[in-house]
Protein backbone atom coordinates (compact mmCIF):
# COMPACT_ATOMS: atom_id res chain seq x y z
CA UNK A 1 92.19 90.94 75.25
CA UNK A 2 91.55 94.74 75.26
CA UNK A 3 89.04 96.31 77.57
CA UNK A 4 86.27 98.50 76.15
CA UNK A 5 85.65 101.07 78.87
CA UNK A 6 82.99 103.83 78.48
CA UNK A 7 81.59 104.23 82.04
CA UNK A 8 80.01 107.67 81.43
CA UNK A 9 77.44 106.02 79.14
CA UNK A 10 76.11 103.40 81.56
CA UNK A 11 73.43 105.61 83.13
CA UNK A 12 72.19 106.41 79.63
CA UNK A 13 72.31 102.80 78.42
CA UNK A 14 70.36 101.55 81.48
CA UNK A 15 67.87 104.41 81.34
CA UNK A 16 68.98 105.75 84.76
CA UNK A 17 70.35 109.04 83.54
CA UNK A 18 68.72 112.07 85.18
CA UNK A 19 66.22 113.86 82.94
CA UNK A 20 67.48 117.26 81.89
CA UNK A 21 65.26 120.11 82.96
CA UNK A 22 64.97 123.04 80.58
CA UNK A 23 66.25 122.91 77.04
CA UNK A 24 69.57 121.25 76.35
CA UNK A 25 70.27 123.78 73.61
CA UNK A 26 69.83 126.73 75.96
CA UNK A 27 72.49 126.23 78.63
CA UNK A 28 72.27 128.69 81.53
CA UNK A 29 74.26 131.92 81.40
CA UNK A 30 75.67 133.77 78.48
CA UNK A 31 79.19 132.26 78.34
CA UNK A 32 80.57 131.44 74.90
CA UNK A 33 81.57 127.97 76.13
CA UNK A 34 81.08 125.77 79.17
CA UNK A 35 82.77 122.44 79.88
CA UNK A 36 80.09 121.60 82.45
CA UNK A 37 77.35 121.82 79.78
CA UNK A 38 79.67 120.55 76.96
CA UNK A 39 78.99 123.83 75.18
CA UNK A 40 81.75 124.40 72.65
CA UNK A 41 80.37 127.56 71.06
CA UNK A 42 77.61 130.09 71.56
CA UNK A 43 76.97 133.35 69.77
CA UNK A 44 73.85 135.41 69.13
CA UNK A 45 72.45 132.93 66.58
CA UNK A 46 73.98 129.46 67.13
CA UNK A 47 75.13 126.89 69.71
CA UNK A 48 77.37 123.86 69.30
CA UNK A 49 77.52 121.19 71.95
CA UNK A 50 79.18 117.87 72.32
CA UNK A 51 76.47 115.14 72.54
CA UNK A 52 76.62 113.78 76.13
CA UNK A 53 75.50 110.37 74.88
CA UNK A 54 77.25 110.21 71.50
CA UNK A 55 76.97 107.70 68.67
CA UNK A 56 80.68 108.22 68.05
CA UNK A 57 83.59 110.18 69.45
CA UNK A 58 83.21 113.90 68.60
CA UNK A 59 79.43 113.72 68.00
CA UNK A 60 78.33 117.39 67.80
CA UNK A 61 74.91 119.00 68.09
CA UNK A 62 74.50 122.28 66.10
CA UNK A 63 71.34 124.38 66.77
CA UNK A 64 69.93 127.85 66.42
CA UNK A 65 69.80 129.95 69.61
CA UNK A 66 66.10 130.57 69.06
CA UNK A 67 63.86 127.80 70.34
CA UNK A 68 62.32 126.56 67.07
CA UNK A 69 60.97 123.16 66.12
CA UNK A 70 61.14 123.33 62.30
CA UNK A 71 63.44 124.54 59.56
CA UNK A 72 60.62 126.61 58.10
CA UNK A 73 60.66 128.81 61.18
CA UNK A 74 64.27 129.94 60.62
CA UNK A 75 64.82 133.28 59.01
CA UNK A 76 67.32 133.61 56.17
CA UNK A 77 70.13 134.89 58.41
CA UNK A 78 69.65 131.92 60.79
CA UNK A 79 69.67 129.50 57.88
CA UNK A 80 72.94 130.89 56.56
CA UNK A 81 74.53 131.01 60.04
CA UNK A 82 73.61 127.40 60.76
CA UNK A 83 74.91 126.16 57.40
CA UNK A 84 78.15 128.06 58.02
CA UNK A 85 78.47 126.52 61.49
CA UNK A 86 77.85 123.04 60.10
CA UNK A 87 80.68 123.62 57.62
CA UNK A 88 83.04 125.00 60.30
CA UNK A 89 82.19 122.07 62.60
CA UNK A 90 83.06 119.60 59.87
CA UNK A 91 86.41 121.34 59.29
CA UNK A 92 87.24 121.35 63.01
CA UNK A 93 86.33 117.66 63.41
CA UNK A 94 88.43 116.70 60.34
CA UNK A 95 91.39 118.72 61.64
CA UNK A 96 91.47 117.13 65.10
CA UNK A 97 89.87 113.71 64.80
CA UNK A 98 90.73 112.75 61.18
CA UNK A 99 87.48 110.82 60.54
CA UNK A 100 87.13 108.89 57.29
CA UNK A 101 83.70 110.47 56.83
CA UNK A 102 80.93 112.43 58.56
CA UNK A 103 77.25 111.94 59.03
CA UNK A 104 75.35 115.21 59.09
CA UNK A 105 71.67 114.94 59.83
CA UNK A 106 68.50 116.50 61.14
CA UNK A 107 65.39 114.77 62.48
CA UNK A 108 62.30 116.94 62.39
CA UNK A 109 59.58 115.68 64.75
CA UNK A 110 59.42 112.90 67.30
CA UNK A 111 58.16 110.36 64.69
CA UNK A 112 61.23 111.20 62.56
CA UNK A 113 63.53 110.34 65.43
CA UNK A 114 64.05 113.65 67.12
CA UNK A 115 64.83 113.01 70.79
CA UNK A 116 64.29 116.69 71.46
CA UNK A 117 61.63 117.63 68.93
CA UNK A 118 60.84 121.19 70.03
CA UNK A 119 64.35 122.64 69.40
CA UNK A 120 65.70 121.71 65.98
CA UNK A 121 69.31 120.58 65.89
CA UNK A 122 71.70 119.01 63.49
CA UNK A 123 73.90 115.98 64.38
CA UNK A 124 77.45 115.98 63.07
CA UNK A 125 78.92 112.53 63.65
CA UNK A 126 82.48 111.59 62.75
CA UNK A 127 82.85 108.14 61.28
CA UNK A 128 85.81 105.85 60.82
CA UNK A 129 85.98 102.69 58.76
CA UNK A 130 85.11 99.78 61.11
CA UNK A 131 84.40 102.21 63.94
CA UNK A 132 81.65 100.07 65.50
CA UNK A 133 82.33 96.48 66.13
CA UNK A 134 80.72 93.37 67.59
CA UNK A 135 79.56 95.04 70.80
CA UNK A 136 77.07 97.20 68.93
CA UNK A 137 75.52 94.12 67.29
CA UNK A 138 75.64 91.86 70.35
CA UNK A 139 74.81 94.29 73.16
CA UNK A 140 73.33 97.38 71.49
CA UNK A 141 76.17 99.45 73.02
CA UNK A 142 78.57 101.70 71.19
CA UNK A 143 82.11 102.28 72.43
CA UNK A 144 83.70 105.70 72.44
CA UNK A 145 87.53 105.58 72.37
CA UNK A 146 88.22 109.08 73.87
CA UNK A 147 86.86 110.57 77.09
CA UNK A 148 84.35 113.29 76.33
CA UNK A 149 86.22 115.90 78.43
CA UNK A 150 89.38 115.19 76.41
CA UNK A 151 87.43 115.72 73.21
CA UNK A 152 85.97 118.98 74.58
CA UNK A 153 89.48 120.27 75.46
CA UNK A 154 90.73 119.35 71.99
CA UNK A 155 87.92 121.08 70.07
CA UNK A 156 86.96 124.15 72.18
CA UNK A 157 89.94 126.35 71.14
CA UNK A 158 89.01 126.11 67.46
CA UNK A 159 85.39 126.91 68.16
CA UNK A 160 86.34 129.87 70.31
CA UNK A 161 88.59 131.21 67.49
CA UNK A 162 85.40 131.53 65.39
CA UNK A 163 84.23 134.29 67.77
CA UNK A 164 87.27 136.50 67.07
């Protein structure tokens, strides 16, 4: 038998994870990346983070720098920059994780499923055929095959190249 080991998720699964103060999409400082905050990319208009409690390995969060709740609040430049970053994120994930597909989505408003409704953000979730097995059905737990810090180290160089 193989062991499914994802200990970094247990606090989240049991509801014991510390509540984040401030806005997740506005990590402190001005650094272009931060392993501590799982920040892969930050420029004047966009941020990309690894989801600390992912649905799948490589689950990214792509958001505007400005604290906005709705797509209609974005200006044209922000819209174009976000769409470009979504495309770049898909390319980077495909290059390093070789997923069979990707889910790209946006939940606007708490009722629509937004966990953080006041700062819009897109989810980019790599998917593999048969990537979630019995444990999701039986225990409502997903397994992540790669440590999140390893995923960060794998992806951050490509995101940092986008700043050049």
